[in-house]
Amino acid sequence: MSHIYGSLCISATTPQQQFPQFNDIGTRYNGSHTPHRFRGQYHIAREGEDHVVSTTHIPQRSKSFLITTSSVTDFAEKANQKMIEWLPVMESEYEDARQLYKFNEIQKRLKDLPGAQPFTATIVNTGEHGHFGILSQWKDVYTYGVYDTQNFGVRFVWTTDEWFMNDVKAVDFTRYVFYRFPTLQDRPLFIYSQAVCSKWFGWMKIFKGQPDCILRAFCSLENYLFKEAELRNLQVSHANRPAY
């Protein structure tokens, strides 16, 4: 069984202990999207053989992308080639659109390719203004907020492994508190790392001292991240706003 694992540290003042699944996998990609020492660090891991990894650079936008796609090998290769081709076009063709909308357009194009297969893809902007695009078509991606009760770190995790939470708890049942975000089903997710870290810091200041402050912050993060992907931008009238 092939799986993708990803994590973004959104709050920490000390190094974060890696989750067991990341330690057990030989192929990992690590980096940081902020100048902070721990906050903004990310880890991408893949298990199994049905993955294709590609890189591309868009010099005019100062963006470099690491693309990891999990699917039937032939389709994963085709999908990565198409994403390398489409990413620069999306930046210019949909310049006024939200990044979530751009990733949604890419996902729809991939779905409509001849011979399309179930796939998940993680697109990491490793250049300036680092962000993630997570695509999921005919294949569920499970998302979690994870709070570490020992060093008080907070991470956002996404994976195709439905047993991730149970396996982490099996190693240390009381250490981590999990918040279940919506499962990604046939839709993308956009994460602008620096903005998420900044938002979390602000929410914790607002909710400081309240017994459910972590829960409130996770609820706020869910509302912030899981927007309607079909909206080109948020400047729409209520009359034209789709129901969701």
Protein backbone atom coordinates (compact mmCIF):
# COMPACT_ATOMS: atom_id res chain seq x y z
CA MET A 1 0.00 0.00 0.00
CA SER A 2 1.38 3.42 -0.98
CA HIS A 3 0.89 6.43 1.24
CA ILE A 4 1.82 10.10 1.34
CA TYR A 5 2.48 11.84 4.66
CA GLY A 6 2.94 15.58 5.15
CA SER A 7 3.27 17.80 8.20
CA LEU A 8 3.68 21.53 8.79
CA CYS A 9 4.72 22.87 12.19
CA ILE A 10 2.57 25.93 12.89
CA SER A 11 3.67 26.61 16.46
CA ALA A 12 6.76 25.50 18.40
CA THR A 13 9.64 26.82 20.50
CA THR A 14 11.60 23.54 20.62
CA PRO A 15 12.34 20.74 18.12
CA GLN A 16 9.36 18.50 17.38
CA GLN A 17 9.57 14.74 17.83
CA GLN A 18 8.91 13.12 14.48
CA PHE A 19 5.85 10.91 14.08
CA PRO A 20 6.63 7.17 13.83
CA GLN A 21 5.48 6.93 10.21
CA PHE A 22 8.00 9.57 9.13
CA ASN A 23 10.85 7.82 10.92
CA ASP A 24 9.99 4.47 9.37
CA ILE A 25 10.05 5.76 5.78
CA GLY A 26 13.27 6.08 3.85
CA THR A 27 12.18 8.79 1.37
CA ARG A 28 11.59 12.19 3.02
CA TYR A 29 11.76 15.84 2.02
CA ASN A 30 12.28 18.50 4.68
CA GLY A 31 12.32 22.27 4.55
CA SER A 32 11.07 25.49 6.13
CA HIS A 33 8.68 28.17 4.92
CA THR A 34 9.49 30.79 7.55
CA PRO A 35 12.67 32.33 9.00
CA HIS A 36 11.80 30.96 12.43
CA ARG A 37 13.85 28.15 13.92
CA PHE A 38 11.05 25.61 14.33
CA ARG A 39 7.78 27.18 13.21
CA GLY A 40 7.17 26.71 9.50
CA GLN A 41 9.20 23.51 9.21
CA TYR A 42 7.65 20.89 6.97
CA HIS A 43 8.20 17.21 6.23
CA ILE A 44 6.95 15.23 3.25
CA ALA A 45 7.30 11.44 3.29
CA ARG A 46 6.19 8.72 0.91
CA GLU A 47 5.79 5.00 1.42
CA GLY A 48 5.58 2.47 -1.39
CA GLU A 49 6.53 2.50 -5.05
CA ASP A 50 3.57 4.21 -6.74
CA HIS A 51 4.97 7.74 -6.49
CA VAL A 52 6.57 10.12 -8.96
CA VAL A 53 8.54 13.16 -7.78
CA SER A 54 9.33 16.13 -10.04
CA THR A 55 10.67 19.65 -9.65
CA THR A 56 10.10 22.78 -11.69
CA HIS A 57 11.00 26.47 -11.47
CA ILE A 58 9.07 29.55 -12.59
CA PRO A 59 11.74 32.28 -12.61
CA GLN A 60 9.39 35.14 -13.49
CA ARG A 61 7.37 34.35 -10.35
CA SER A 62 10.33 33.39 -8.13
CA LYS A 63 8.66 30.05 -7.46
CA SER A 64 10.15 26.58 -7.33
CA PHE A 65 7.92 23.54 -6.93
CA LEU A 66 8.42 20.02 -5.61
CA ILE A 67 5.61 17.80 -6.89
CA THR A 68 4.90 14.37 -5.38
CA THR A 69 2.09 12.38 -6.98
CA SER A 70 0.74 9.02 -5.83
CA SER A 71 -1.15 6.98 -8.42
CA VAL A 72 -0.66 4.24 -10.98
CA THR A 73 2.90 4.92 -12.15
CA ASP A 74 2.09 5.75 -15.78
CA PHE A 75 -0.62 8.21 -14.80
CA ALA A 76 1.51 9.74 -12.01
CA GLU A 77 4.22 10.48 -14.58
CA LYS A 78 1.69 12.00 -16.97
CA ALA A 79 0.13 14.06 -14.14
CA ASN A 80 3.48 15.49 -13.07
CA GLN A 81 4.37 16.41 -16.65
CA LYS A 82 1.04 18.19 -17.03
CA MET A 83 1.43 20.05 -13.73
CA ILE A 84 4.89 21.24 -14.75
CA GLU A 85 3.28 22.51 -17.96
CA TRP A 86 0.21 24.05 -16.31
CA LEU A 87 1.64 25.72 -13.19
CA PRO A 88 3.21 28.69 -15.06
CA VAL A 89 0.07 29.06 -17.18
CA MET A 90 -2.17 29.13 -14.12
CA GLU A 91 -0.10 31.91 -12.60
CA SER A 92 -0.71 34.15 -15.61
CA GLU A 93 -4.10 32.96 -16.86
CA TYR A 94 -5.72 33.21 -13.41
CA GLU A 95 -3.58 36.00 -11.97
CA ASP A 96 -6.49 37.56 -10.05
CA ALA A 97 -7.72 34.24 -8.65
CA ARG A 98 -7.08 32.65 -5.29
CA GLN A 99 -4.42 29.95 -5.16
CA LEU A 100 -7.06 27.45 -4.02
CA TYR A 101 -9.02 28.14 -7.20
CA LYS A 102 -5.89 27.64 -9.33
CA PHE A 103 -5.21 24.27 -7.72
CA ASN A 104 -8.84 23.34 -8.24
CA GLU A 105 -8.50 24.10 -11.95
CA ILE A 106 -5.38 21.93 -12.14
CA GLN A 107 -7.16 19.08 -10.36
CA LYS A 108 -10.14 19.27 -12.72
CA ARG A 109 -7.83 19.15 -15.75
CA LEU A 110 -6.01 16.13 -14.34
CA LYS A 111 -9.32 14.37 -13.68
CA ASP A 112 -10.34 14.91 -17.32
CA LEU A 113 -7.15 13.47 -18.82
CA PRO A 114 -7.62 10.29 -20.90
CA GLY A 115 -7.05 7.24 -18.72
CA ALA A 116 -7.19 9.24 -15.47
CA GLN A 117 -6.67 7.18 -12.31
CA PRO A 118 -7.26 7.92 -8.59
CA PHE A 119 -4.46 10.20 -7.42
CA THR A 120 -3.16 12.45 -4.67
CA ALA A 121 -0.53 15.11 -5.17
CA THR A 122 1.40 17.44 -2.88
CA ILE A 123 2.76 20.56 -4.58
CA VAL A 124 5.30 22.39 -2.42
CA ASN A 125 6.39 25.90 -3.32
CA THR A 126 9.94 25.83 -2.00
CA GLY A 127 10.71 29.41 -3.11
CA GLU A 128 9.60 32.72 -1.62
CA HIS A 129 6.19 32.82 0.08
CA GLY A 130 6.22 29.04 0.52
CA HIS A 131 2.95 27.18 0.34
CA PHE A 132 1.36 23.78 -0.27
CA GLY A 133 -1.25 22.59 -2.70
CA ILE A 134 -2.78 19.21 -1.82
CA LEU A 135 -4.86 17.57 -4.55
CA SER A 136 -7.13 14.58 -4.01
CA GLN A 137 -9.21 12.86 -6.70
CA TRP A 138 -11.04 9.55 -6.12
CA LYS A 139 -8.69 9.00 -3.18
CA ASP A 140 -9.23 10.30 0.37
CA VAL A 141 -6.69 12.46 2.18
CA TYR A 142 -7.08 12.62 5.97
CA THR A 143 -6.16 15.88 7.70
CA TYR A 144 -5.44 16.50 11.37
CA GLY A 145 -4.39 19.13 13.81
CA VAL A 146 -1.95 17.60 16.30
CA TYR A 147 -1.08 19.17 19.66
CA ASP A 148 1.95 17.85 21.54
CA THR A 149 1.25 17.93 25.29
CA GLN A 150 4.94 17.53 26.18
CA ASN A 151 6.54 20.40 24.25
CA PHE A 152 3.33 22.27 23.29
CA GLY A 153 4.05 22.16 19.56
CA VAL A 154 1.23 22.23 16.99
CA ARG A 155 1.30 20.60 13.56
CA PHE A 156 -1.05 20.28 10.62
CA VAL A 157 -0.84 16.78 9.12
CA TRP A 158 -2.22 15.30 5.90
CA THR A 159 -1.97 11.68 4.77
CA THR A 160 -3.66 8.98 2.72
CA ASP A 161 -3.08 6.58 5.62
CA GLU A 162 -6.42 6.15 7.42
CA TRP A 163 -4.65 4.46 10.34
CA PHE A 164 -2.24 7.34 10.98
CA MET A 165 -3.88 8.60 14.18
CA ASN A 166 -4.35 5.10 15.63
CA ASP A 167 -0.74 4.16 14.88
CA VAL A 168 0.61 7.33 16.54
CA LYS A 169 -1.53 6.72 19.62
CA ALA A 170 -0.33 3.11 19.76
CA VAL A 171 3.22 4.39 20.32
CA ASP A 172 2.39 7.10 22.90
CA PHE A 173 -1.32 7.23 23.70
CA THR A 174 -1.34 10.28 26.00
CA ARG A 175 1.21 12.53 24.31
CA TYR A 176 -0.77 13.85 21.34
CA VAL A 177 -4.20 15.44 21.11
CA PHE A 178 -5.80 15.13 17.67
CA TYR A 179 -8.32 17.38 15.97
CA ARG A 180 -9.98 15.88 12.90
CA PHE A 181 -10.29 18.30 10.03
CA PRO A 182 -12.55 17.40 7.07
CA THR A 183 -11.33 14.58 4.85
CA LEU A 184 -10.28 15.81 1.43
CA GLN A 185 -12.51 14.11 -1.13
CA ASP A 186 -12.23 15.19 -4.77
CA ARG A 187 -11.03 18.68 -3.89
CA PRO A 188 -7.77 20.54 -3.27
CA LEU A 189 -6.46 22.35 -0.21
CA PHE A 190 -4.17 25.39 -0.20
CA ILE A 191 -1.91 26.16 2.77
CA TYR A 192 0.09 29.41 2.85
CA SER A 193 2.50 28.45 5.61
CA GLN A 194 3.54 31.87 6.91
CA ALA A 195 -0.06 33.10 7.04
CA VAL A 196 -1.20 29.96 8.90
CA CYS A 197 1.58 30.35 11.47
CA SER A 198 0.72 34.02 11.94
CA LYS A 199 -3.01 33.30 12.24
CA TRP A 200 -2.37 30.62 14.85
CA PHE A 201 -0.26 33.02 16.92
CA GLY A 202 -3.07 35.57 16.80
CA TRP A 203 -5.78 33.09 17.75
CA MET A 204 -3.77 31.85 20.71
CA LYS A 205 -3.44 35.44 21.96
CA ILE A 206 -7.20 35.91 21.64
CA PHE A 207 -8.10 32.60 23.34
CA LYS A 208 -5.29 32.68 25.92
CA GLY A 209 -6.36 31.55 29.38
CA GLN A 210 -9.49 29.76 28.20
CA PRO A 211 -9.58 26.02 28.96
CA ASP A 212 -10.56 25.19 25.38
CA CYS A 213 -8.11 27.56 23.69
CA ILE A 214 -6.48 24.85 21.55
CA LEU A 215 -9.86 23.56 20.39
CA ARG A 216 -11.00 27.08 19.52
CA ALA A 217 -7.82 27.71 17.56
CA PHE A 218 -8.23 24.45 15.61
CA CYS A 219 -11.84 25.40 14.82
CA SER A 220 -10.63 28.78 13.57
CA LEU A 221 -7.98 27.08 11.45
CA GLU A 222 -10.58 24.77 9.91
CA ASN A 223 -12.73 27.76 8.96
CA TYR A 224 -9.68 29.53 7.51
CA LEU A 225 -8.37 26.62 5.39
CA PHE A 226 -11.42 24.75 4.15
CA LYS A 227 -12.93 27.31 1.82
CA GLU A 228 -15.07 26.71 -1.26
CA ALA A 229 -12.60 25.76 -4.02
CA GLU A 230 -14.87 26.81 -6.90
CA LEU A 231 -14.82 30.49 -5.93
CA ARG A 232 -12.37 32.38 -8.12
CA ASN A 233 -12.04 35.07 -5.45
CA LEU A 234 -13.83 36.03 -2.27
CA GLN A 235 -15.04 39.39 -3.60
CA VAL A 236 -18.45 38.13 -4.69
CA SER A 237 -21.91 39.39 -3.87
CA HIS A 238 -24.17 37.36 -1.62
CA ALA A 239 -26.57 36.99 -4.55
CA ASN A 240 -23.90 35.19 -6.56
CA ARG A 241 -22.42 33.20 -3.70
CA PRO A 242 -22.90 29.44 -4.21
CA ALA A 243 -24.59 27.43 -1.52
CA TYR A 244 -22.23 25.21 0.51
